[in-house]
C-alpha cells in the first residue's frame, strides 16, 4: 500500500523520511531510502572506495547497517510507532561486488512490543541483482512516551 492510497500512512511515511534525514550514519554511508510502504522498506547505497574491504567487496559492516536500518524502518511502518533493533541474524551468502547494494526488508509478523522482519540484500552489477545476504530481525516497538524519553537534546 502506497502513501498516496492511505492518508494515515502518508503521515507515517513523512515522519519516517524526516527521521531518516536526521540519521548522521545514514548520511555518512551515503545510503538512500528508495522505497517505503506499509510493512516494507528498501535502502540502497552506491559503491564508494570508503565502503569496501581489502578485496574490493562491499564491507560486511555496510550490509549489516543496511539490514539494521531497513528492518527497523519496515517495522516502524506497520503501526506507525518508533522502533529499535533488538537483534538480528545475518547470513552473508556471497561477496558483495558491484555498483550498488540494495536491502529490501518486509515485516513478517507485526507486534505491539516486538515485530519480526526479514531482509534480503542484493548487489547490482550491470543491472543484474545478485543475492548476497539474508537476515531475520527482532525489532522492539516503542511507545511514543518511551521514544520521547530517549531523544537527545539535539533531536
Protein backbone atom coordinates (compact mmCIF):
# COMPACT_ATOMS: atom_id res chain seq x y z
CA UNK A 1 0.00 0.00 0.00
CA UNK A 2 1.49 3.31 -1.05
CA UNK A 3 1.30 6.51 0.96
CA UNK A 4 -0.92 8.18 -1.67
CA UNK A 5 -3.60 5.49 -1.25
CA UNK A 6 -3.56 5.61 2.55
CA UNK A 7 -3.69 9.09 4.15
CA UNK A 8 -2.85 7.62 7.59
CA UNK A 9 0.28 6.00 6.14
CA UNK A 10 1.24 9.24 4.38
CA UNK A 11 1.75 10.87 7.79
CA UNK A 12 3.80 7.87 8.99
CA UNK A 13 5.93 7.96 5.83
CA UNK A 14 6.54 11.69 6.21
CA UNK A 15 7.69 11.22 9.81
CA UNK A 16 9.98 8.32 8.83
CA UNK A 17 11.54 10.29 5.96
CA UNK A 18 12.21 13.20 8.34
CA UNK A 19 13.77 10.90 10.95
CA UNK A 20 15.94 9.14 8.37
CA UNK A 21 17.14 12.54 7.15
CA UNK A 22 18.47 13.22 10.66
CA UNK A 23 20.48 10.00 10.85
CA UNK A 24 24.12 11.00 10.70
CA UNK A 25 25.33 7.49 9.92
CA UNK A 26 22.88 7.11 7.03
CA UNK A 27 24.32 10.32 5.58
CA UNK A 28 27.92 9.23 6.28
CA UNK A 29 27.42 5.96 4.41
CA UNK A 30 25.54 7.73 1.63
CA UNK A 31 22.56 5.39 1.82
CA UNK A 32 19.18 6.37 0.40
CA UNK A 33 15.70 5.35 1.45
CA UNK A 34 14.45 4.41 -2.00
CA UNK A 35 11.09 2.73 -1.31
CA UNK A 36 8.69 2.81 1.61
CA UNK A 37 5.27 1.27 2.04
CA UNK A 38 3.27 -0.24 4.88
CA UNK A 39 5.42 -3.12 6.21
CA UNK A 40 8.30 -2.69 3.75
CA UNK A 41 11.43 -0.61 3.28
CA UNK A 42 14.17 -0.52 0.67
CA UNK A 43 17.51 1.19 1.26
CA UNK A 44 20.31 1.40 -1.32
CA UNK A 45 23.90 2.59 -1.30
CA UNK A 46 26.21 3.29 -4.25
CA UNK A 47 29.71 1.81 -4.36
CA UNK A 48 32.43 4.08 -2.98
CA UNK A 49 36.02 3.20 -2.01
CA UNK A 50 35.29 4.09 1.64
CA UNK A 51 32.66 1.31 1.83
CA UNK A 52 34.89 -1.51 0.54
CA UNK A 53 37.07 -4.01 2.32
CA UNK A 54 40.59 -5.04 1.24
CA UNK A 55 39.42 -7.36 -1.57
CA UNK A 56 37.22 -4.72 -3.18
CA UNK A 57 33.89 -6.09 -1.91
CA UNK A 58 31.36 -4.02 0.00
CA UNK A 59 32.34 -4.37 3.65
CA UNK A 60 30.11 -6.67 5.67
CA UNK A 61 29.50 -3.77 8.03
CA UNK A 62 27.74 -1.91 5.21
CA UNK A 63 25.48 -4.91 4.63
CA UNK A 64 24.81 -5.16 8.38
CA UNK A 65 23.97 -1.45 8.57
CA UNK A 66 21.52 -1.72 5.68
CA UNK A 67 19.80 -4.69 7.34
CA UNK A 68 19.70 -2.94 10.73
CA UNK A 69 18.19 0.24 9.34
CA UNK A 70 15.81 -1.25 6.76
CA UNK A 71 14.31 -3.79 9.17
CA UNK A 72 13.73 -1.15 11.83
CA UNK A 73 12.15 1.24 9.36
CA UNK A 74 9.94 -1.50 7.90
CA UNK A 75 8.73 -2.37 11.42
CA UNK A 76 8.00 1.30 12.13
CA UNK A 77 5.77 1.49 9.05
CA UNK A 78 3.47 -1.29 10.28
CA UNK A 79 1.89 0.59 13.15
CA UNK A 80 3.46 3.99 12.81
CA UNK A 81 5.31 3.68 16.09
CA UNK A 82 9.01 4.20 16.85
CA UNK A 83 11.22 1.10 16.75
CA UNK A 84 14.71 -0.09 17.69
CA UNK A 85 16.63 -3.19 16.68
CA UNK A 86 16.63 -5.83 19.43
CA UNK A 87 18.63 -8.42 17.47
CA UNK A 88 19.22 -9.81 14.02
CA UNK A 89 20.78 -12.85 12.41
CA UNK A 90 22.69 -12.07 9.24
CA UNK A 91 23.84 -14.66 6.71
CA UNK A 92 26.38 -13.41 4.18
CA UNK A 93 25.71 -15.56 1.11
CA UNK A 94 28.32 -14.31 -1.36
CA UNK A 95 30.80 -11.43 -1.79
CA UNK A 96 29.06 -8.14 -2.44
CA UNK A 97 30.64 -6.89 -5.66
CA UNK A 98 29.05 -4.39 -7.99
CA UNK A 99 27.94 -0.79 -8.28
CA UNK A 100 25.21 -0.76 -5.66
CA UNK A 101 23.86 -2.63 -2.62
CA UNK A 102 20.09 -2.82 -2.14
CA UNK A 103 18.39 -4.04 1.03
CA UNK A 104 14.70 -4.94 0.93
CA UNK A 105 13.02 -5.51 4.29
CA UNK A 106 9.50 -6.78 4.92
CA UNK A 107 7.57 -7.32 8.11
CA UNK A 108 6.81 -10.99 8.72
CA UNK A 109 4.86 -10.53 11.97
CA UNK A 110 3.96 -7.10 13.30
CA UNK A 111 3.62 -6.81 17.05
CA UNK A 112 2.87 -4.24 19.73
CA UNK A 113 6.14 -4.95 21.56
CA UNK A 114 8.26 -6.95 19.09
CA UNK A 115 7.98 -7.27 15.32
CA UNK A 116 9.73 -9.90 13.22
CA UNK A 117 11.22 -8.59 9.99
CA UNK A 118 13.09 -10.34 7.16
CA UNK A 119 15.58 -8.66 4.86
CA UNK A 120 17.44 -9.59 1.70
CA UNK A 121 20.46 -7.76 0.34
CA UNK A 122 21.37 -7.71 -3.34
CA UNK A 123 24.41 -6.37 -5.13
CA UNK A 124 23.76 -4.85 -8.55
CA UNK A 125 26.30 -5.41 -11.33
CA UNK A 126 25.49 -4.20 -14.86
CA UNK A 127 21.81 -4.01 -13.92
CA UNK A 128 21.69 -7.61 -12.63
CA UNK A 129 20.92 -8.30 -8.98
CA UNK A 130 22.80 -10.99 -7.07
CA UNK A 131 21.52 -12.14 -3.67
CA UNK A 132 24.41 -11.52 -1.26
CA UNK A 133 22.83 -11.65 2.23
CA UNK A 134 19.68 -12.55 4.11
CA UNK A 135 18.61 -11.68 7.63
CA UNK A 136 15.88 -12.09 10.21
CA UNK A 137 15.42 -9.39 12.86
CA UNK A 138 13.50 -8.86 16.07
CA UNK A 139 12.53 -5.22 16.33
CA UNK A 140 11.47 -3.65 19.63
CA UNK A 141 8.42 -1.46 19.16
CA UNK A 142 8.46 1.62 21.38
CA UNK A 143 5.59 3.61 22.75
CA UNK A 144 5.61 7.32 21.95
CA UNK A 145 6.30 8.22 25.61
CA UNK A 146 9.32 5.88 25.79
CA UNK A 147 10.62 7.21 22.47
CA UNK A 148 10.28 10.80 23.75
CA UNK A 149 12.37 9.92 26.84
CA UNK A 150 15.20 8.54 24.70
CA UNK A 151 15.61 11.57 22.42
CA UNK A 152 18.77 13.56 22.86
CA UNK A 153 18.54 17.33 23.48
CA UNK A 154 19.75 17.91 19.91
CA UNK A 155 16.99 15.78 18.37
